[in-house]
């Protein structure tokens, strides 16, 4: 959910997809949770907003902390903090219904994107409300000590779901949290509780990547308070992460290779990208490679070991963002020619950004219970056959989930979300994790929705998408929204053809 390039409509951190997905840095190195973190017991103070300073934000922003019961059903025991940031509308007379942002991940702290949303068009007529997902705010951060740090950057190349790492994480987090309580339903109920505490009768939802799943569950649980919903990179409840990852990633890469073939310079530089990929994977499968790159911080020489699984997972993450994807064909050709250093350098950068933007304890509580638990062993071979990722990601993640605490999830969790709330759904044509078929599936059950497929990868953005979103939000209706500019968006990135 992690690229250097940011679409104009969504911060890279919010893209982190449901991917594990991708994206951006800024949160600092992942830390082991502090068992002495302040978790409130008993009565909690009312939410009170006060003027505050937020990086990248001018005066006028307000911040506060809302305390919610960890166990919402019993409404007893400890409470956990949710950071809240409210960005004022630019309009002199704002509309009464704000935009509530639902971030990706899951497990990305929404308030970390305040600087981006301060500059966003979403503030033109409405306040923007940012509420952290439970378990992501300072005070109770459900981080996992995964491989990789600025002192040990080689660890960032390891695949993300080591069962041993998450076994250790579970033991640490069990001392500060009941991990069964950090699923989607209490998360969206928390956010609706904040809405009520702030005095808003109705809201507009704006979700990206896993944030679209949160938006759909919000529509299922609190439809009466939602005026409209915008969803980018749609993850319907039927999606069982990470079972489709291999096929979706392969489809996106095939589209990327086809686009390279249509650009003469790319076709000349990389005449056979599929063969280049097969060559590299075959060589790495026979024996992991030793690669020397420059340390991203110090510039010193750094020697890494790269397996085929690490290569494949890093390649998948690179295709989330057009700026990274534009480099992929040439990186594969260079790797096939025997030099893996450029690929490894970019892989380390993108993986690092991902690891630093997610609270993996939250991600595991949601994905293990709501998605992985619905995957059957006999489905895996057909779902992953003929893909470059094969079954490596899904089997590793299922193994990591096997020992994670089990939460109660309704038997009909994966049923379609049906709602008459006006909704705008936007999919990227070459999205490697939430491809257009997922957006189309969700839209079939939202009769007042508009589903747009735009050129691009995960969570497409830019002036055209912003204009469509602005028109839809103003009217809370898809009727009459001009989408003709989508045809003018470049069909593919301009590929890098020389190193």
Foldseek 3Di string as FASTA:
>chain_A
DDDPDDFLADGQLLLVFPACGFYFADLAAFDQDDLPQDWAFDDDDFWDWDWDDDPLADTDKTKTWDWADLPNVVRHTITFIKIKIKAAAPDPAADLAAEEEQGHNVFFFFVNCVNSVNPHPSRNRHIYMGIGFTQPDRSHNLAFPAFDDLVRLLRLLDDGQALVRLVVSQVRNVSRHDLLSLALPVRLVVVVVVCVSVPRQAYEYEHFHVSLCSVLVCCQVPVRRYQEYEYFLHDFLLAFPPLQLQVLLQQLVVVLVVVLCVDVLSCVLQVDQVVLLVLLLVVLQVDWDWAWEASPPPRDIDIHTHHLLSLVVLSSNLQQFQVSSLAPSNCSNVVSVPHNHVVVVSSSVGSSRSSSRGRVSSSLSHNLARHLVPDDPVSRQVSNPPGSNRSVVSVSNNSSSPPRDYYDDDPCSSPARAHQQEYEYEAECSESGRHQVNVVVNVVRHVQYDYYYAHTYGRHHHDLVSQQVVVCVVVSGNPPRDNVCSVVPDNGDNHDRDD
